[in-house]
């Protein structure tokens, strides 16, 4: 797999709609060509202690952040292929890749529903699923462990852009 977008969400609480940051890395022909990071005002707009402990974000960090639809307006153009590339690859929107796609895909669908946006049925691939088959003997298959097995040092785990970069690296190695 040489053309995709690795994506990662962090949430403010246990509601999937509460995305408070997003990171993505665009990979074209196996090369990292673009990246994007944004804080997002979560919905509902409160933080649990547990979630803040994981990613370090608080309500103070996102109080002036845009809501999801405005952030997605910036992301969506990064997903679309040129007409020439669409003809070559047979699709016009890059597939999304996440480590544990069940979480990130469910967050994306939830915020689309929350803001009454039409969800375009993005194709998602899961590096966690593939990592379990590729590296069956790892002590665990958490993002940082799999990234290390693929030769990538994840220094800022649970920062959405750092996690997206690690996921992109993993995807490029094993998908």
C-alpha atoms as a PDB file:
ATOM      1  CA  UNK A   1       0.000   0.000   0.000  1.00  0.00           C
ATOM      2  CA  UNK A   2       1.648   3.210  -1.166  1.00  0.00           C
ATOM      3  CA  UNK A   3      -1.153   5.797  -1.187  1.00  0.00           C
ATOM      4  CA  UNK A   4      -3.178   6.433   1.965  1.00  0.00           C
ATOM      5  CA  UNK A   5      -3.851   8.798   4.851  1.00  0.00           C
ATOM      6  CA  UNK A   6      -2.991   7.713   8.385  1.00  0.00           C
ATOM      7  CA  UNK A   7      -5.381   9.268  10.896  1.00  0.00           C
ATOM      8  CA  UNK A   8      -5.606   9.425  14.666  1.00  0.00           C
ATOM      9  CA  UNK A   9      -8.148  10.985  17.036  1.00  0.00           C
ATOM     10  CA  UNK A  10      -7.929  11.774  20.723  1.00  0.00           C
ATOM     11  CA  UNK A  11     -11.142  12.174  22.722  1.00  0.00           C
ATOM     12  CA  UNK A  12     -12.038  14.390  25.662  1.00  0.00           C
ATOM     13  CA  UNK A  13     -14.282  11.836  27.330  1.00  0.00           C
ATOM     14  CA  UNK A  14     -15.729   8.414  26.625  1.00  0.00           C
ATOM     15  CA  UNK A  15     -18.197   9.683  24.001  1.00  0.00           C
ATOM     16  CA  UNK A  16     -16.965   8.974  20.468  1.00  0.00           C
ATOM     17  CA  UNK A  17     -18.195  12.430  19.408  1.00  0.00           C
ATOM     18  CA  UNK A  18     -15.804  14.107  21.840  1.00  0.00           C
ATOM     19  CA  UNK A  19     -12.825  14.267  19.480  1.00  0.00           C
ATOM     20  CA  UNK A  20     -10.522  16.956  20.828  1.00  0.00           C
ATOM     21  CA  UNK A  21      -7.604  16.560  18.430  1.00  0.00           C
ATOM     22  CA  UNK A  22      -6.866  14.978  15.087  1.00  0.00           C
ATOM     23  CA  UNK A  23      -3.617  14.191  13.335  1.00  0.00           C
ATOM     24  CA  UNK A  24      -3.101  12.840   9.866  1.00  0.00           C
ATOM     25  CA  UNK A  25      -0.248  12.004   7.554  1.00  0.00           C
ATOM     26  CA  UNK A  26      -0.686  11.790   3.788  1.00  0.00           C
ATOM     27  CA  UNK A  27       1.415   9.119   2.097  1.00  0.00           C
ATOM     28  CA  UNK A  28       1.726   9.159  -1.698  1.00  0.00           C
ATOM     29  CA  UNK A  29       3.791   6.619  -3.588  1.00  0.00           C
ATOM     30  CA  UNK A  30       5.240   5.472  -0.253  1.00  0.00           C
ATOM     31  CA  UNK A  31       6.470   8.945   0.734  1.00  0.00           C
ATOM     32  CA  UNK A  32       5.193  11.181   3.527  1.00  0.00           C
ATOM     33  CA  UNK A  33       4.005  14.234   1.566  1.00  0.00           C
ATOM     34  CA  UNK A  34       1.757  16.171   3.922  1.00  0.00           C
ATOM     35  CA  UNK A  35       0.509  16.263   7.485  1.00  0.00           C
ATOM     36  CA  UNK A  36      -2.191  18.029   9.454  1.00  0.00           C
ATOM     37  CA  UNK A  37      -2.916  18.566  13.133  1.00  0.00           C
ATOM     38  CA  UNK A  38      -5.680  20.453  14.876  1.00  0.00           C
ATOM     39  CA  UNK A  39      -7.255  20.777  18.244  1.00  0.00           C
ATOM     40  CA  UNK A  40     -11.050  20.446  18.131  1.00  0.00           C
ATOM     41  CA  UNK A  41     -13.707  21.674  20.507  1.00  0.00           C
ATOM     42  CA  UNK A  42     -15.258  18.393  21.670  1.00  0.00           C
ATOM     43  CA  UNK A  43     -18.957  17.530  21.748  1.00  0.00           C
ATOM     44  CA  UNK A  44     -19.964  17.096  24.518  1.00  0.00           C
ATOM     45  CA  UNK A  45     -17.511  19.689  25.740  1.00  0.00           C
ATOM     46  CA  UNK A  46     -16.070  18.230  28.945  1.00  0.00           C
ATOM     47  CA  UNK A  47     -12.942  16.248  29.793  1.00  0.00           C
ATOM     48  CA  UNK A  48     -12.650  13.185  31.984  1.00  0.00           C
ATOM     49  CA  UNK A  49      -9.639  12.854  34.219  1.00  0.00           C
ATOM     50  CA  UNK A  50      -8.680   9.568  32.552  1.00  0.00           C
ATOM     51  CA  UNK A  51      -8.680  10.970  29.019  1.00  0.00           C
ATOM     52  CA  UNK A  52      -6.705  14.051  30.032  1.00  0.00           C
ATOM     53  CA  UNK A  53      -4.178  11.798  31.767  1.00  0.00           C
ATOM     54  CA  UNK A  54      -3.720   9.830  28.547  1.00  0.00           C
ATOM     55  CA  UNK A  55      -3.198  12.678  26.063  1.00  0.00           C
ATOM     56  CA  UNK A  56      -2.539  15.679  28.285  1.00  0.00           C
ATOM     57  CA  UNK A  57      -5.266  17.880  26.798  1.00  0.00           C
ATOM     58  CA  UNK A  58      -7.775  19.818  28.908  1.00  0.00           C
ATOM     59  CA  UNK A  59     -10.758  22.050  28.299  1.00  0.00           C
ATOM     60  CA  UNK A  60      -8.448  25.048  28.510  1.00  0.00           C
ATOM     61  CA  UNK A  61      -6.516  23.728  25.482  1.00  0.00           C
ATOM     62  CA  UNK A  62      -9.591  23.510  23.259  1.00  0.00           C
ATOM     63  CA  UNK A  63     -11.794  26.341  24.514  1.00  0.00           C
ATOM     64  CA  UNK A  64     -10.960  28.450  21.425  1.00  0.00           C
ATOM     65  CA  UNK A  65     -10.540  25.524  19.023  1.00  0.00           C
ATOM     66  CA  UNK A  66     -12.842  25.131  16.021  1.00  0.00           C
ATOM     67  CA  UNK A  67     -15.673  22.604  16.022  1.00  0.00           C
ATOM     68  CA  UNK A  68     -15.293  19.457  13.949  1.00  0.00           C
ATOM     69  CA  UNK A  69     -17.015  20.582  10.700  1.00  0.00           C
ATOM     70  CA  UNK A  70     -14.553  23.460  10.287  1.00  0.00           C
ATOM     71  CA  UNK A  71     -11.596  21.185  10.897  1.00  0.00           C
ATOM     72  CA  UNK A  72     -12.918  18.600   8.426  1.00  0.00           C
ATOM     73  CA  UNK A  73     -13.214  21.308   5.752  1.00  0.00           C
ATOM     74  CA  UNK A  74      -9.426  21.586   5.970  1.00  0.00           C
ATOM     75  CA  UNK A  75      -8.856  17.835   6.004  1.00  0.00           C
ATOM     76  CA  UNK A  76     -11.153  16.748   3.200  1.00  0.00           C
ATOM     77  CA  UNK A  77      -9.086  18.219   0.329  1.00  0.00           C
ATOM     78  CA  UNK A  78      -6.067  16.236   1.551  1.00  0.00           C
ATOM     79  CA  UNK A  79      -8.010  13.001   0.996  1.00  0.00           C
ATOM     80  CA  UNK A  80      -8.898  13.627  -2.661  1.00  0.00           C
ATOM     81  CA  UNK A  81      -6.755  12.440  -5.525  1.00  0.00           C
ATOM     82  CA  UNK A  82      -6.012  14.279  -8.724  1.00  0.00           C
ATOM     83  CA  UNK A  83      -7.967  13.103 -11.754  1.00  0.00           C
ATOM     84  CA  UNK A  84      -4.835  11.453 -13.151  1.00  0.00           C
ATOM     85  CA  UNK A  85      -4.092   9.574  -9.901  1.00  0.00           C
ATOM     86  CA  UNK A  86      -7.743   8.559  -9.553  1.00  0.00           C
ATOM     87  CA  UNK A  87      -7.608   6.991 -13.020  1.00  0.00           C
ATOM     88  CA  UNK A  88      -4.345   5.185 -12.179  1.00  0.00           C
ATOM     89  CA  UNK A  89      -5.492   3.864  -8.797  1.00  0.00           C
ATOM     90  CA  UNK A  90      -9.175   3.267  -9.513  1.00  0.00           C
ATOM     91  CA  UNK A  91     -10.537   5.411  -6.660  1.00  0.00           C
ATOM     92  CA  UNK A  92     -10.771   9.145  -6.036  1.00  0.00           C
ATOM     93  CA  UNK A  93     -10.406   9.364  -2.246  1.00  0.00           C
ATOM     94  CA  UNK A  94      -7.371   8.004  -0.439  1.00  0.00           C
ATOM     95  CA  UNK A  95      -8.075   5.173   1.989  1.00  0.00           C
ATOM     96  CA  UNK A  96      -7.705   5.914   5.692  1.00  0.00           C
ATOM     97  CA  UNK A  97      -5.437   3.883   7.949  1.00  0.00           C
ATOM     98  CA  UNK A  98      -5.607   3.766  11.735  1.00  0.00           C
ATOM     99  CA  UNK A  99      -4.078   1.673  14.473  1.00  0.00           C
ATOM    100  CA  UNK A 100      -7.220   0.146  15.959  1.00  0.00           C
ATOM    101  CA  UNK A 101      -9.564   1.374  13.257  1.00  0.00           C
ATOM    102  CA  UNK A 102     -12.590   0.415  15.367  1.00  0.00           C
ATOM    103  CA  UNK A 103     -11.891   3.411  17.588  1.00  0.00           C
ATOM    104  CA  UNK A 104     -10.911   6.004  14.986  1.00  0.00           C
ATOM    105  CA  UNK A 105     -13.526   4.990  12.428  1.00  0.00           C
ATOM    106  CA  UNK A 106     -16.249   5.025  15.089  1.00  0.00           C
ATOM    107  CA  UNK A 107     -15.124   8.507  16.197  1.00  0.00           C
ATOM    108  CA  UNK A 108     -15.242   9.782  12.622  1.00  0.00           C
ATOM    109  CA  UNK A 109     -18.692   8.337  11.993  1.00  0.00           C
ATOM    110  CA  UNK A 110     -19.972   9.643  15.340  1.00  0.00           C
ATOM    111  CA  UNK A 111     -18.891  13.239  14.735  1.00  0.00           C
ATOM    112  CA  UNK A 112     -20.288  13.147  11.205  1.00  0.00           C
ATOM    113  CA  UNK A 113     -23.643  12.038  12.701  1.00  0.00           C
ATOM    114  CA  UNK A 114     -23.421  14.550  15.536  1.00  0.00           C
ATOM    115  CA  UNK A 115     -23.005  17.451  13.122  1.00  0.00           C
ATOM    116  CA  UNK A 116     -25.455  15.986  10.593  1.00  0.00           C
ATOM    117  CA  UNK A 117     -22.805  15.703   7.900  1.00  0.00           C
ATOM    118  CA  UNK A 118     -23.073  13.168   5.078  1.00  0.00           C
ATOM    119  CA  UNK A 119     -20.541  10.398   5.698  1.00  0.00           C
ATOM    120  CA  UNK A 120     -18.902   9.359   2.418  1.00  0.00           C
ATOM    121  CA  UNK A 121     -18.112   5.733   3.434  1.00  0.00           C
ATOM    122  CA  UNK A 122     -14.367   6.108   3.690  1.00  0.00           C
ATOM    123  CA  UNK A 123     -12.364   2.929   3.236  1.00  0.00           C
ATOM    124  CA  UNK A 124     -10.445   2.169   6.453  1.00  0.00           C
ATOM    125  CA  UNK A 125      -7.522  -0.193   6.983  1.00  0.00           C
ATOM    126  CA  UNK A 126      -6.287  -1.335  10.379  1.00  0.00           C
ATOM    127  CA  UNK A 127      -2.586  -1.616  11.226  1.00  0.00           C
ATOM    128  CA  UNK A 128      -3.453  -3.270  14.556  1.00  0.00           C
ATOM    129  CA  UNK A 129      -5.242  -6.137  12.803  1.00  0.00           C
ATOM    130  CA  UNK A 130      -2.346  -6.672  10.386  1.00  0.00           C
ATOM    131  CA  UNK A 131       0.287  -6.264  13.120  1.00  0.00           C
ATOM    132  CA  UNK A 132      -1.235  -9.101  15.135  1.00  0.00           C
ATOM    133  CA  UNK A 133      -0.706 -11.409  12.156  1.00  0.00           C
ATOM    134  CA  UNK A 134       2.657  -9.973  11.083  1.00  0.00           C
ATOM    135  CA  UNK A 135       4.188  -9.912  14.583  1.00  0.00           C
ATOM    136  CA  UNK A 136       2.415 -12.668  16.544  1.00  0.00           C
ATOM    137  CA  UNK A 137       5.183 -12.880  19.162  1.00  0.00           C
ATOM    138  CA  UNK A 138       5.269  -9.251  20.289  1.00  0.00           C
ATOM    139  CA  UNK A 139       4.571  -8.741  24.003  1.00  0.00           C
ATOM    140  CA  UNK A 140       1.592  -6.569  22.946  1.00  0.00           C
ATOM    141  CA  UNK A 141       0.351  -4.856  19.814  1.00  0.00           C
ATOM    142  CA  UNK A 142       0.025  -1.325  21.124  1.00  0.00           C
ATOM    143  CA  UNK A 143       1.013   1.419  18.717  1.00  0.00           C
ATOM    144  CA  UNK A 144       4.388   2.175  20.291  1.00  0.00           C
ATOM    145  CA  UNK A 145       5.331  -1.520  20.430  1.00  0.00           C
ATOM    146  CA  UNK A 146       4.432  -2.199  16.801  1.00  0.00           C
ATOM    147  CA  UNK A 147       6.096   1.041  15.674  1.00  0.00           C
ATOM    148  CA  UNK A 148       9.314  -0.050  17.398  1.00  0.00           C
ATOM    149  CA  UNK A 149       9.103  -3.471  15.714  1.00  0.00           C
ATOM    150  CA  UNK A 150       8.885  -1.599  12.391  1.00  0.00           C
ATOM    151  CA  UNK A 151      11.916   0.551  13.211  1.00  0.00           C
ATOM    152  CA  UNK A 152      10.096   3.709  14.288  1.00  0.00           C
ATOM    153  CA  UNK A 153      10.566   5.416  17.668  1.00  0.00           C
ATOM    154  CA  UNK A 154       7.274   6.916  18.852  1.00  0.00           C
ATOM    155  CA  UNK A 155       8.443   9.671  21.184  1.00  0.00           C
ATOM    156  CA  UNK A 156       5.198  11.556  21.861  1.00  0.00           C
ATOM    157  CA  UNK A 157       2.586   8.803  22.176  1.00  0.00           C
ATOM    158  CA  UNK A 158      -1.039   9.992  22.394  1.00  0.00           C
ATOM    159  CA  UNK A 159      -0.354  13.220  20.527  1.00  0.00           C
ATOM    160  CA  UNK A 160      -2.644  12.746  17.515  1.00  0.00           C
ATOM    161  CA  UNK A 161      -0.051  13.770  14.915  1.00  0.00           C
ATOM    162  CA  UNK A 162       2.729  11.677  16.470  1.00  0.00           C
ATOM    163  CA  UNK A 163       0.404   8.672  16.556  1.00  0.00           C
ATOM    164  CA  UNK A 164      -0.641   9.255  12.926  1.00  0.00           C
ATOM    165  CA  UNK A 165       3.034   9.399  11.916  1.00  0.00           C
ATOM    166  CA  UNK A 166       3.720   6.104  13.699  1.00  0.00           C
ATOM    167  CA  UNK A 167       0.679   4.540  12.076  1.00  0.00           C
ATOM    168  CA  UNK A 168       1.800   5.760   8.637  1.00  0.00           C
ATOM    169  CA  UNK A 169       5.233   4.244   9.221  1.00  0.00           C
ATOM    170  CA  UNK A 170       3.709   0.924  10.283  1.00  0.00           C
ATOM    171  CA  UNK A 171       1.282   0.905   7.338  1.00  0.00           C
ATOM    172  CA  UNK A 172       4.084   1.573   4.897  1.00  0.00           C
ATOM    173  CA  UNK A 173       6.040  -1.353   6.355  1.00  0.00           C
ATOM    174  CA  UNK A 174       3.351  -4.039   6.743  1.00  0.00           C
ATOM    175  CA  UNK A 175       0.274  -3.225   4.655  1.00  0.00           C
END
